[in-house]
PDB file of N, CA and C in Angstrom:
ATOM      1  N   MET A   1      84.044  83.720 245.933  1.00  0.00           N
ATOM      2  CA  MET A   1      83.431  84.455 246.443  1.00  0.00           C
ATOM      3  C   MET A   1      82.195  85.423 246.072  1.00  0.00           C
ATOM      4  N   PHE A   2      82.118  85.932 245.226  1.00  0.00           N
ATOM      5  CA  PHE A   2      81.442  86.610 244.467  1.00  0.00           C
ATOM      6  C   PHE A   2      80.470  86.426 243.235  1.00  0.00           C
ATOM      7  N   ILE A   3      81.200  84.748 243.298  1.00  0.00           N
ATOM      8  CA  ILE A   3      80.793  84.292 241.733  1.00  0.00           C
ATOM      9  C   ILE A   3      79.817  83.074 241.884  1.00  0.00           C
ATOM     10  N   THR A   4      78.852  83.242 241.467  1.00  0.00           N
ATOM     11  CA  THR A   4      77.729  81.831 242.006  1.00  0.00           C
ATOM     12  C   THR A   4      78.023  80.757 240.356  1.00  0.00           C
ATOM     13  N   PRO A   5      77.808  79.803 241.249  1.00  0.00           N
ATOM     14  CA  PRO A   5      77.635  78.667 240.191  1.00  0.00           C
ATOM     15  C   PRO A   5      77.162  78.834 239.377  1.00  0.00           C
ATOM     16  N   ALA A   6      77.773  78.339 237.867  1.00  0.00           N
ATOM     17  CA  ALA A   6      76.908  78.266 236.892  1.00  0.00           C
ATOM     18  C   ALA A   6      76.065  76.931 236.550  1.00  0.00           C
ATOM     19  N   PHE A   7      74.950  76.884 236.081  1.00  0.00           N
ATOM     20  CA  PHE A   7      73.850  75.608 235.808  1.00  0.00           C
ATOM     21  C   PHE A   7      73.935  75.492 234.236  1.00  0.00           C
ATOM     22  N   ALA A   8      74.937  74.682 233.927  1.00  0.00           N
ATOM     23  CA  ALA A   8      74.727  74.336 232.716  1.00  0.00           C
ATOM     24  C   ALA A   8      74.405  73.318 231.651  1.00  0.00           C
ATOM     25  N   GLN A   9      73.132  73.092 232.598  1.00  0.00           N
ATOM     26  CA  GLN A   9      72.719  71.467 232.326  1.00  0.00           C
ATOM     27  C   GLN A   9      71.099  72.251 231.442  1.00  0.00           C
ATOM     28  N   ALA A  10      70.873  71.535 230.808  1.00  0.00           N
ATOM     29  CA  ALA A  10      69.698  71.689 229.801  1.00  0.00           C
ATOM     30  C   ALA A  10      68.540  71.226 230.758  1.00  0.00           C
ATOM     31  N   SER A  11      67.052  72.079 230.472  1.00  0.00           N
ATOM     32  CA  SER A  11      66.248  71.826 231.244  1.00  0.00           C
ATOM     33  C   SER A  11      65.149  70.406 231.147  1.00  0.00           C
ATOM     34  N   GLY A  12      65.267  70.172 229.943  1.00  0.00           N
ATOM     35  CA  GLY A  12      64.543  68.596 229.322  1.00  0.00           C
ATOM     36  C   GLY A  12      65.499  68.090 228.709  1.00  0.00           C
ATOM     37  N   ALA A  13      64.944  66.741 228.783  1.00  0.00           N
ATOM     38  CA  ALA A  13      66.082  65.891 227.982  1.00  0.00           C
ATOM     39  C   ALA A  13      65.211  65.328 226.526  1.00  0.00           C
ATOM     40  N   SER A  14      64.562  66.038 225.869  1.00  0.00           N
ATOM     41  CA  SER A  14      64.368  66.496 224.422  1.00  0.00           C
ATOM     42  C   SER A  14      65.509  66.486 223.572  1.00  0.00           C
ATOM     43  N   PRO A  15      65.847  65.155 222.232  1.00  0.00           N
ATOM     44  CA  PRO A  15      67.006  65.207 221.577  1.00  0.00           C
ATOM     45  C   PRO A  15      67.049  66.216 220.648  1.00  0.00           C
ATOM     46  N   ILE A  16      65.421  66.648 220.078  1.00  0.00           N
ATOM     47  CA  ILE A  16      65.238  67.746 219.417  1.00  0.00           C
ATOM     48  C   ILE A  16      65.125  69.359 220.104  1.00  0.00           C
ATOM     49  N   SER A  17      66.514  70.078 219.731  1.00  0.00           N
ATOM     50  CA  SER A  17      66.008  71.395 220.877  1.00  0.00           C
ATOM     51  C   SER A  17      65.402  71.964 219.499  1.00  0.00           C
ATOM     52  N   SER A  18      64.655  73.202 220.319  1.00  0.00           N
ATOM     53  CA  SER A  18      64.494  74.285 219.565  1.00  0.00           C
ATOM     54  C   SER A  18      64.792  75.253 218.794  1.00  0.00           C
ATOM     55  N   ASP A  19      66.249  75.037 218.818  1.00  0.00           N
ATOM     56  CA  ASP A  19      67.249  75.585 218.251  1.00  0.00           C
ATOM     57  C   ASP A  19      67.610  75.264 216.782  1.00  0.00           C
ATOM     58  N   MET A  20      67.740  73.966 217.248  1.00  0.00           N
ATOM     59  CA  MET A  20      67.556  73.207 215.847  1.00  0.00           C
ATOM     60  C   MET A  20      66.384  73.320 214.726  1.00  0.00           C
ATOM     61  N   LEU A  21      65.178  73.124 215.209  1.00  0.00           N
ATOM     62  CA  LEU A  21      64.292  73.723 214.681  1.00  0.00           C
ATOM     63  C   LEU A  21      63.932  75.112 213.784  1.00  0.00           C
ATOM     64  N   ILE A  22      64.403  75.814 214.906  1.00  0.00           N
ATOM     65  CA  ILE A  22      64.470  77.268 214.230  1.00  0.00           C
ATOM     66  C   ILE A  22      65.668  77.808 212.850  1.00  0.00           C
ATOM     67  N   GLN A  23      66.490  76.518 212.922  1.00  0.00           N
ATOM     68  CA  GLN A  23      67.672  76.683 212.055  1.00  0.00           C
ATOM     69  C   GLN A  23      66.883  76.015 210.595  1.00  0.00           C
ATOM     70  N   PHE A  24      65.975  74.894 211.058  1.00  0.00           N
ATOM     71  CA  PHE A  24      65.505  74.426 209.315  1.00  0.00           C
ATOM     72  C   PHE A  24      64.123  75.107 209.070  1.00  0.00           C
ATOM     73  N   ALA A  25      63.468  76.219 209.731  1.00  0.00           N
ATOM     74  CA  ALA A  25      62.358  76.714 209.765  1.00  0.00           C
ATOM     75  C   ALA A  25      62.896  77.158 208.412  1.00  0.00           C
ATOM     76  N   PRO A  26      63.773  78.346 208.287  1.00  0.00           N
ATOM     77  CA  PRO A  26      63.719  79.464 206.763  1.00  0.00           C
ATOM     78  C   PRO A  26      63.561  78.071 204.975  1.00  0.00           C
ATOM     79  N   PHE A  27      64.065  77.112 205.647  1.00  0.00           N
ATOM     80  CA  PHE A  27      64.154  75.997 204.463  1.00  0.00           C
ATOM     81  C   PHE A  27      62.972  75.672 204.247  1.00  0.00           C
ATOM     82  N   VAL A  28      61.945  75.320 205.138  1.00  0.00           N
ATOM     83  CA  VAL A  28      60.819  74.622 205.145  1.00  0.00           C
ATOM     84  C   VAL A  28      59.837  75.551 204.359  1.00  0.00           C
ATOM     85  N   VAL A  29      60.163  77.055 204.884  1.00  0.00           N
ATOM     86  CA  VAL A  29      59.503  78.108 204.077  1.00  0.00           C
ATOM     87  C   VAL A  29      59.887  78.349 202.747  1.00  0.00           C
ATOM     88  N   ILE A  30      60.919  78.363 202.466  1.00  0.00           N
ATOM     89  CA  ILE A  30      61.421  78.472 201.080  1.00  0.00           C
ATOM     90  C   ILE A  30      60.728  77.208 200.068  1.00  0.00           C
ATOM     91  N   PHE A  31      61.166  76.090 200.544  1.00  0.00           N
ATOM     92  CA  PHE A  31      60.294  75.374 199.655  1.00  0.00           C
ATOM     93  C   PHE A  31      58.834  74.688 199.705  1.00  0.00           C
ATOM     94  N   ALA A  32      58.085  75.417 200.491  1.00  0.00           N
ATOM     95  CA  ALA A  32      56.724  76.115 200.418  1.00  0.00           C
ATOM     96  C   ALA A  32      56.557  76.921 199.741  1.00  0.00           C
ATOM     97  N   ILE A  33      57.122  78.394 199.576  1.00  0.00           N
ATOM     98  CA  ILE A  33      57.054  78.761 198.745  1.00  0.00           C
ATOM     99  C   ILE A  33      57.089  78.358 197.266  1.00  0.00           C
ATOM    100  N   MET A  34      58.152  77.656 196.966  1.00  0.00           N
ATOM    101  CA  MET A  34      58.643  77.622 195.704  1.00  0.00           C
ATOM    102  C   MET A  34      57.395  76.309 195.421  1.00  0.00           C
ATOM    103  N   TYR A  35      57.137  75.291 196.007  1.00  0.00           N
ATOM    104  CA  TYR A  35      55.687  74.213 195.650  1.00  0.00           C
ATOM    105  C   TYR A  35      54.621  75.697 195.124  1.00  0.00           C
ATOM    106  N   PHE A  36      54.357  76.515 195.833  1.00  0.00           N
ATOM    107  CA  PHE A  36      53.473  76.895 195.446  1.00  0.00           C
ATOM    108  C   PHE A  36      53.454  78.000 194.387  1.00  0.00           C
ATOM    109  N   LEU A  37      54.284  78.300 193.786  1.00  0.00           N
ATOM    110  CA  LEU A  37      54.705  79.610 193.097  1.00  0.00           C
ATOM    111  C   LEU A  37      55.067  78.876 192.004  1.00  0.00           C
ATOM    112  N   ILE A  38      56.157  77.812 191.779  1.00  0.00           N
ATOM    113  CA  ILE A  38      56.707  77.260 190.612  1.00  0.00           C
ATOM    114  C   ILE A  38      56.417  75.721 190.335  1.00  0.00           C
ATOM    115  N   LEU A  39      56.153  74.719 191.083  1.00  0.00           N
ATOM    116  CA  LEU A  39      56.476  73.272 191.118  1.00  0.00           C
ATOM    117  C   LEU A  39      54.562  73.398 190.650  1.00  0.00           C
ATOM    118  N   ARG A  40      53.521  73.695 191.555  1.00  0.00           N
ATOM    119  CA  ARG A  40      52.263  73.263 191.415  1.00  0.00           C
ATOM    120  C   ARG A  40      51.303  73.994 189.808  1.00  0.00           C
ATOM    121  N   PRO A  41      51.665  75.036 189.742  1.00  0.00           N
ATOM    122  CA  PRO A  41      51.659  75.987 188.595  1.00  0.00           C
ATOM    123  C   PRO A  41      52.195  75.154 187.356  1.00  0.00           C
ATOM    124  N   GLN A  42      53.153  74.818 187.507  1.00  0.00           N
ATOM    125  CA  GLN A  42      54.091  74.228 186.244  1.00  0.00           C
ATOM    126  C   GLN A  42      53.067  72.748 185.934  1.00  0.00           C
ATOM    127  N   GLN A  43      53.163  71.511 186.985  1.00  0.00           N
ATOM    128  CA  GLN A  43      52.452  70.686 186.847  1.00  0.00           C
ATOM    129  C   GLN A  43      50.240  70.908 186.391  1.00  0.00           C
ATOM    130  N   LYS A  44      50.131  72.068 186.711  1.00  0.00           N
ATOM    131  CA  LYS A  44      48.898  72.437 186.012  1.00  0.00           C
ATOM    132  C   LYS A  44      48.560  72.739 184.711  1.00  0.00           C
ATOM    133  N   ARG A  45      49.938  73.365 184.233  1.00  0.00           N
ATOM    134  CA  ARG A  45      49.873  73.573 183.256  1.00  0.00           C
ATOM    135  C   ARG A  45      50.509  72.643 182.122  1.00  0.00           C
ATOM    136  N   ALA A  46      51.010  71.646 182.719  1.00  0.00           N
ATOM    137  CA  ALA A  46      51.372  70.133 181.895  1.00  0.00           C
ATOM    138  C   ALA A  46      49.750  69.644 181.600  1.00  0.00           C
ATOM    139  N   LYS A  47      49.225  69.521 182.924  1.00  0.00           N
ATOM    140  CA  LYS A  47      48.077  68.684 183.166  1.00  0.00           C
ATOM    141  C   LYS A  47      47.082  68.969 181.325  1.00  0.00           C
ATOM    142  N   GLU A  48      46.939  70.461 181.604  1.00  0.00           N
ATOM    143  CA  GLU A  48      45.838  71.236 180.633  1.00  0.00           C
ATOM    144  C   GLU A  48      46.795  70.397 179.295  1.00  0.00           C
ATOM    145  N   THR A  49      47.827  70.823 179.129  1.00  0.00           N
ATOM    146  CA  THR A  49      48.697  70.423 177.908  1.00  0.00           C
ATOM    147  C   THR A  49      48.547  69.185 177.340  1.00  0.00           C
ATOM    148  N   ARG A  50      48.417  68.413 178.320  1.00  0.00           N
ATOM    149  CA  ARG A  50      48.082  66.689 178.083  1.00  0.00           C
ATOM    150  C   ARG A  50      46.750  66.344 177.747  1.00  0.00           C
ATOM    151  N   ASP A  51      45.634  67.065 178.253  1.00  0.00           N
ATOM    152  CA  ASP A  51      44.253  67.045 178.108  1.00  0.00           C
ATOM    153  C   ASP A  51      43.998  67.623 176.464  1.00  0.00           C
ATOM    154  N   MET A  52      44.511  69.097 176.581  1.00  0.00           N
ATOM    155  CA  MET A  52      44.580  69.886 174.995  1.00  0.00           C
ATOM    156  C   MET A  52      44.911  68.181 174.003  1.00  0.00           C
ATOM    157  N   ILE A  53      45.929  68.129 173.872  1.00  0.00           N
ATOM    158  CA  ILE A  53      46.531  67.666 172.733  1.00  0.00           C
ATOM    159  C   ILE A  53      45.805  66.144 172.718  1.00  0.00           C
ATOM    160  N   LYS A  54      45.369  65.280 173.510  1.00  0.00           N
ATOM    161  CA  LYS A  54      44.114  64.291 173.953  1.00  0.00           C
ATOM    162  C   LYS A  54      42.943  64.441 172.797  1.00  0.00           C
ATOM    163  N   GLY A  55      42.400  65.916 173.297  1.00  0.00           N
ATOM    164  CA  GLY A  55      41.244  66.052 172.956  1.00  0.00           C
ATOM    165  C   GLY A  55      40.972  66.341 171.229  1.00  0.00           C
ATOM    166  N   VAL A  56      42.493  66.399 170.738  1.00  0.00           N
ATOM    167  CA  VAL A  56      42.419  67.104 169.282  1.00  0.00           C
ATOM    168  C   VAL A  56      41.400  65.812 168.433  1.00  0.00           C
ATOM    169  N   ARG A  57      40.518  66.689 167.597  1.00  0.00           N
ATOM    170  CA  ARG A  57      39.651  65.928 166.689  1.00  0.00           C
ATOM    171  C   ARG A  57      40.011  66.507 165.340  1.00  0.00           C
ATOM    172  N   ARG A  58      38.839  65.743 164.288  1.00  0.00           N
ATOM    173  CA  ARG A  58      39.055  66.452 163.095  1.00  0.00           C
ATOM    174  C   ARG A  58      38.143  67.595 162.629  1.00  0.00           C
ATOM    175  N   GLY A  59      39.002  68.854 161.988  1.00  0.00           N
ATOM    176  CA  GLY A  59      38.300  70.146 161.563  1.00  0.00           C
ATOM    177  C   GLY A  59      39.137  71.242 162.860  1.00  0.00           C
ATOM    178  N   ASP A  60      39.619  70.212 163.702  1.00  0.00           N
ATOM    179  CA  ASP A  60      40.701  71.720 164.749  1.00  0.00           C
ATOM    180  C   ASP A  60      41.954  72.094 163.753  1.00  0.00           C
ATOM    181  N   THR A  61      42.219  73.469 164.162  1.00  0.00           N
ATOM    182  CA  THR A  61      43.211  73.851 163.630  1.00  0.00           C
ATOM    183  C   THR A  61      44.081  73.891 164.679  1.00  0.00           C
ATOM    184  N   ILE A  62      45.439  73.505 164.386  1.00  0.00           N
ATOM    185  CA  ILE A  62      46.256  72.967 164.857  1.00  0.00           C
ATOM    186  C   ILE A  62      47.734  73.685 165.023  1.00  0.00           C
ATOM    187  N   THR A  63      48.922  74.106 165.802  1.00  0.00           N
ATOM    188  CA  THR A  63      50.195  74.850 165.408  1.00  0.00           C
ATOM    189  C   THR A  63      51.307  73.497 165.727  1.00  0.00           C
ATOM    190  N   THR A  64      51.912  72.999 165.088  1.00  0.00           N
ATOM    191  CA  THR A  64      53.012  72.031 165.268  1.00  0.00           C
ATOM    192  C   THR A  64      54.003  72.368 166.155  1.00  0.00           C
ATOM    193  N   SER A  65      54.681  71.828 167.029  1.00  0.00           N
ATOM    194  CA  SER A  65      56.478  72.033 167.536  1.00  0.00           C
ATOM    195  C   SER A  65      57.150  72.783 166.446  1.00  0.00           C
ATOM    196  N   GLY A  66      57.100  72.471 165.394  1.00  0.00           N
ATOM    197  CA  GLY A  66      58.100  72.906 164.238  1.00  0.00           C
ATOM    198  C   GLY A  66      57.718  74.396 163.551  1.00  0.00           C
ATOM    199  N   GLY A  67      56.044  74.365 163.765  1.00  0.00           N
ATOM    200  CA  GLY A  67      55.767  75.832 163.240  1.00  0.00           C
ATOM    201  C   GLY A  67      54.412  75.725 162.143  1.00  0.00           C
ATOM    202  N   LEU A  68      54.243  74.414 161.995  1.00  0.00           N
ATOM    203  CA  LEU A  68      53.605  74.409 160.620  1.00  0.00           C
ATOM    204  C   LEU A  68      51.795  74.431 161.321  1.00  0.00           C
ATOM    205  N   ILE A  69      50.722  75.228 160.435  1.00  0.00           N
ATOM    206  CA  ILE A  69      50.129  75.367 160.964  1.00  0.00           C
ATOM    207  C   ILE A  69      48.809  74.730 159.850  1.00  0.00           C
ATOM    208  N   GLY A  70      47.973  74.242 160.075  1.00  0.00           N
ATOM    209  CA  GLY A  70      46.956  73.202 159.472  1.00  0.00           C
ATOM    210  C   GLY A  70      45.558  72.826 160.095  1.00  0.00           C
ATOM    211  N   LYS A  71      44.953  72.206 159.370  1.00  0.00           N
ATOM    212  CA  LYS A  71      43.954  71.641 160.033  1.00  0.00           C
ATOM    213  C   LYS A  71      43.247  69.825 159.998  1.00  0.00           C
ATOM    214  N   VAL A  72      43.381  69.355 160.704  1.00  0.00           N
ATOM    215  CA  VAL A  72      43.044  68.222 161.341  1.00  0.00           C
ATOM    216  C   VAL A  72      41.956  67.479 160.568  1.00  0.00           C
ATOM    217  N   THR A  73      42.230  66.583 159.759  1.00  0.00           N
ATOM    218  CA  THR A  73      41.454  66.050 158.692  1.00  0.00           C
ATOM    219  C   THR A  73      41.314  64.670 159.404  1.00  0.00           C
ATOM    220  N   LYS A  74      42.171  63.610 159.917  1.00  0.00           N
ATOM    221  CA  LYS A  74      41.507  62.932 160.495  1.00  0.00           C
ATOM    222  C   LYS A  74      42.468  62.452 161.509  1.00  0.00           C
ATOM    223  N   ALA A  75      42.040  61.527 162.762  1.00  0.00           N
ATOM    224  CA  ALA A  75      42.869  61.248 163.842  1.00  0.00           C
ATOM    225  C   ALA A  75      42.869  59.912 163.630  1.00  0.00           C
ATOM    226  N   THR A  76      44.703  59.598 163.332  1.00  0.00           N
ATOM    227  CA  THR A  76      44.671  57.627 162.367  1.00  0.00           C
ATOM    228  C   THR A  76      44.337  56.911 163.723  1.00  0.00           C
ATOM    229  N   ASP A  77      44.961  57.507 164.869  1.00  0.00           N
ATOM    230  CA  ASP A  77      45.095  56.185 166.233  1.00  0.00           C
ATOM    231  C   ASP A  77      45.471  57.422 167.137  1.00  0.00           C
ATOM    232  N   GLU A  78      45.924  56.767 168.295  1.00  0.00           N
ATOM    233  CA  GLU A  78      46.267  57.113 169.662  1.00  0.00           C
ATOM    234  C   GLU A  78      47.158  58.626 169.607  1.00  0.00           C
ATOM    235  N   ASN A  79      48.393  57.671 168.401  1.00  0.00           N
ATOM    236  CA  ASN A  79      49.287  58.620 168.535  1.00  0.00           C
ATOM    237  C   ASN A  79      49.429  59.597 167.133  1.00  0.00           C
ATOM    238  N   GLU A  80      48.865  59.708 166.625  1.00  0.00           N
ATOM    239  CA  GLU A  80      49.087  60.633 164.945  1.00  0.00           C
ATOM    240  C   GLU A  80      47.562  60.965 164.985  1.00  0.00           C
ATOM    241  N   VAL A  81      48.036  62.384 164.076  1.00  0.00           N
ATOM    242  CA  VAL A  81      46.862  62.779 163.821  1.00  0.00           C
ATOM    243  C   VAL A  81      47.422  63.220 162.146  1.00  0.00           C
ATOM    244  N   GLU A  82      46.495  62.862 161.222  1.00  0.00           N
ATOM    245  CA  GLU A  82      46.554  63.639 160.116  1.00  0.00           C
ATOM    246  C   GLU A  82      46.069  65.241 159.678  1.00  0.00           C
ATOM    247  N   VAL A  83      47.106  66.151 159.271  1.00  0.00           N
ATOM    248  CA  VAL A  83      46.709  67.483 158.940  1.00  0.00           C
ATOM    249  C   VAL A  83      46.990  67.774 157.557  1.00  0.00           C
ATOM    250  N   GLU A  84      46.447  68.791 157.261  1.00  0.00           N
ATOM    251  CA  GLU A  84      46.090  69.657 156.019  1.00  0.00           C
ATOM    252  C   GLU A  84      46.596  70.685 156.236  1.00  0.00           C
ATOM    253  N   ILE A  85      48.195  70.971 155.816  1.00  0.00           N
ATOM    254  CA  ILE A  85      48.834  71.919 155.610  1.00  0.00           C
ATOM    255  C   ILE A  85      48.592  73.016 154.468  1.00  0.00           C
ATOM    256  N   ALA A  86      48.093  72.490 153.613  1.00  0.00           N
ATOM    257  CA  ALA A  86      47.813  73.183 152.039  1.00  0.00           C
ATOM    258  C   ALA A  86      46.801  72.102 151.349  1.00  0.00           C
ATOM    259  N   PRO A  87      46.001  73.076 150.255  1.00  0.00           N
ATOM    260  CA  PRO A  87      45.239  72.229 149.633  1.00  0.00           C
ATOM    261  C   PRO A  87      45.793  70.807 149.135  1.00  0.00           C
ATOM    262  N   ASN A  88      45.281  69.810 149.458  1.00  0.00           N
ATOM    263  CA  ASN A  88      45.423  68.708 149.022  1.00  0.00           C
ATOM    264  C   ASN A  88      47.004  68.155 149.600  1.00  0.00           C
ATOM    265  N   VAL A  89      47.363  68.556 150.725  1.00  0.00           N
ATOM    266  CA  VAL A  89      48.840  68.616 150.894  1.00  0.00           C
ATOM    267  C   VAL A  89      48.548  67.944 152.610  1.00  0.00           C
ATOM    268  N   ARG A  90      48.679  66.807 152.735  1.00  0.00           N
ATOM    269  CA  ARG A  90      48.770  66.205 154.115  1.00  0.00           C
ATOM    270  C   ARG A  90      49.348  65.588 154.625  1.00  0.00           C
ATOM    271  N   VAL A  91      49.969  66.111 155.849  1.00  0.00           N
ATOM    272  CA  VAL A  91      51.147  65.216 156.270  1.00  0.00           C
ATOM    273  C   VAL A  91      50.853  64.073 157.835  1.00  0.00           C
ATOM    274  N   ARG A  92      51.135  63.302 158.169  1.00  0.00           N
ATOM    275  CA  ARG A  92      50.805  62.923 159.352  1.00  0.00           C
ATOM    276  C   ARG A  92      51.902  63.646 160.697  1.00  0.00           C
ATOM    277  N   VAL A  93      51.423  64.034 161.968  1.00  0.00           N
ATOM    278  CA  VAL A  93      51.842  64.296 162.891  1.00  0.00           C
ATOM    279  C   VAL A  93      51.664  63.741 163.890  1.00  0.00           C
ATOM    280  N   ALA A  94      52.423  63.140 164.848  1.00  0.00           N
ATOM    281  CA  ALA A  94      52.666  62.694 166.010  1.00  0.00           C
ATOM    282  C   ALA A  94      51.953  63.850 167.074  1.00  0.00           C
ATOM    283  N   ARG A  95      51.300  63.317 168.022  1.00  0.00           N
ATOM    284  CA  ARG A  95      50.269  64.178 169.022  1.00  0.00           C
ATOM    285  C   ARG A  95      51.142  64.865 169.559  1.00  0.00           C
ATOM    286  N   PRO A  96      52.525  64.385 170.063  1.00  0.00           N
ATOM    287  CA  PRO A  96      53.722  65.310 170.949  1.00  0.00           C
ATOM    288  C   PRO A  96      54.094  65.985 170.317  1.00  0.00           C
ATOM    289  N   GLY A  97      54.015  65.937 168.772  1.00  0.00           N
ATOM    290  CA  GLY A  97      54.350  67.365 168.320  1.00  0.00           C
ATOM    291  C   GLY A  97      53.722  68.383 168.074  1.00  0.00           C
ATOM    292  N   ILE A  98      52.456  68.338 168.705  1.00  0.00           N
ATOM    293  CA  ILE A  98      51.408  69.420 168.886  1.00  0.00           C
ATOM    294  C   ILE A  98      51.791  70.380 169.875  1.00  0.00           C
ATOM    295  N   SER A  99      51.702  71.774 169.376  1.00  0.00           N
ATOM    296  CA  SER A  99      52.181  72.535 170.538  1.00  0.00           C
ATOM    297  C   SER A  99      51.066  73.540 170.987  1.00  0.00           C
ATOM    298  N   GLU A 100      49.977  73.799 170.128  1.00  0.00           N
ATOM    299  CA  GLU A 100      48.325  74.163 170.401  1.00  0.00           C
ATOM    300  C   GLU A 100      47.661  74.027 169.402  1.00  0.00           C
ATOM    301  N   VAL A 101      46.692  74.095 170.159  1.00  0.00           N
ATOM    302  CA  VAL A 101      45.197  73.949 168.969  1.00  0.00           C
ATOM    303  C   VAL A 101      44.935  75.481 169.234  1.00  0.00           C
ATOM    304  N   ARG A 102      44.707  75.662 167.826  1.00  0.00           N
ATOM    305  CA  ARG A 102      44.472  77.127 167.714  1.00  0.00           C
ATOM    306  C   ARG A 102      42.953  77.465 167.605  1.00  0.00           C
ATOM    307  N   SER A 103      42.192  76.988 166.910  1.00  0.00           N
ATOM    308  CA  SER A 103      40.756  76.850 167.216  1.00  0.00           C
ATOM    309  C   SER A 103      40.410  75.438 167.174  1.00  0.00           C
ATOM    310  N   LYS A 104      39.131  75.180 167.649  1.00  0.00           N
ATOM    311  CA  LYS A 104      38.249  74.220 167.673  1.00  0.00           C
ATOM    312  C   LYS A 104      37.196  74.148 166.212  1.00  0.00           C
ATOM    313  N   GLY A 105      37.254  73.040 165.854  1.00  0.00           N
ATOM    314  CA  GLY A 105      36.485  72.636 164.579  1.00  0.00           C
ATOM    315  C   GLY A 105      35.234  72.433 165.261  1.00  0.00           C
ATOM    316  N   GLU A 106      34.008  72.357 164.206  1.00  0.00           N
ATOM    317  CA  GLU A 106      32.964  71.810 164.280  1.00  0.00           C
ATOM    318  C   GLU A 106      32.586  70.259 164.491  1.00  0.00           C
ATOM    319  N   PRO A 107      31.801  69.882 165.376  1.00  0.00           N
ATOM    320  CA  PRO A 107      31.930  68.417 165.904  1.00  0.00           C
ATOM    321  C   PRO A 107      31.637  67.796 165.102  1.00  0.00           C
ATOM    322  N   VAL A 108      31.601  66.801 164.709  1.00  0.00           N
ATOM    323  CA  VAL A 108      31.487  65.725 163.427  1.00  0.00           C
ATOM    324  C   VAL A 108      30.416  65.341 163.966  1.00  0.00           C
ATOM    325  N   LYS A 109      29.446  65.448 162.569  1.00  0.00           N
ATOM    326  CA  LYS A 109      27.838  65.197 162.705  1.00  0.00           C
ATOM    327  C   LYS A 109      27.785  64.188 162.060  1.00  0.00           C
ATOM    328  N   ASP A 110      27.041  63.014 162.729  1.00  0.00           N
ATOM    329  CA  ASP A 110      26.528  61.728 162.065  1.00  0.00           C
ATOM    330  C   ASP A 110      25.167  62.208 161.222  1.00  0.00           C
ATOM    331  N   VAL A 111      25.539  61.710 159.914  1.00  0.00           N
ATOM    332  CA  VAL A 111      24.458  62.022 159.006  1.00  0.00           C
ATOM    333  C   VAL A 111      24.073  60.527 158.647  1.00  0.00           C
ATOM    334  N   VAL A 112      22.431  60.753 159.101  1.00  0.00           N
ATOM    335  CA  VAL A 112      21.356  59.167 158.821  1.00  0.00           C
ATOM    336  C   VAL A 112      20.745  59.351 157.383  1.00  0.00           C
ATOM    337  N   ALA A 113      21.112  58.915 156.978  1.00  0.00           N
ATOM    338  CA  ALA A 113      20.798  58.661 155.363  1.00  0.00           C
ATOM    339  C   ALA A 113      19.008  58.252 155.234  1.00  0.00           C
ATOM    340  N   SER A 114      18.849  58.936 154.747  1.00  0.00           N
ATOM    341  CA  SER A 114      17.225  58.937 154.796  1.00  0.00           C
ATOM    342  C   SER A 114      16.422  58.864 153.434  1.00  0.00           C
ATOM    343  N   LYS A 115      15.426  58.309 153.282  1.00  0.00           N
ATOM    344  CA  LYS A 115      15.063  57.609 151.520  1.00  0.00           C
ATOM    345  C   LYS A 115      13.821  58.729 151.281  1.00  0.00           C
TER     346      LYS A 115
END
C-alpha cells in the first residue's frame, strides 16, 4: 500500500553505459600523461642521438661508450670511424659505440691547387 512500484529498467538501449566510460577515464588520462611526460621526450632524445652519430665527421672530438676520448681522423664508411686517441695511435670505432660529440671540428676545406 505505501510502497510504489520500482522501475528498474534502463532509460536507453545503448550497450555502453556512462558508468563504463567513467571507469576507463582514469586509465586513459594516465596513459596520456605517460605518453607526454615519458615516451615522447625519450623518442625525441633517441632521434637527436641518432642524428648526432650520423653527422660525425673528420675533426670532431668524440667520447666512446667505453670512455675513450679522441679526434675523428677519417670516416671509413657508414658504420665505422677512425679515431686518434693519442699521437700516432688510431683505432676504428663502430658508430653505435659513440656516446657523444664533445666538440665539432672545422669543416674539411677543399684546397684547389693553383699554379
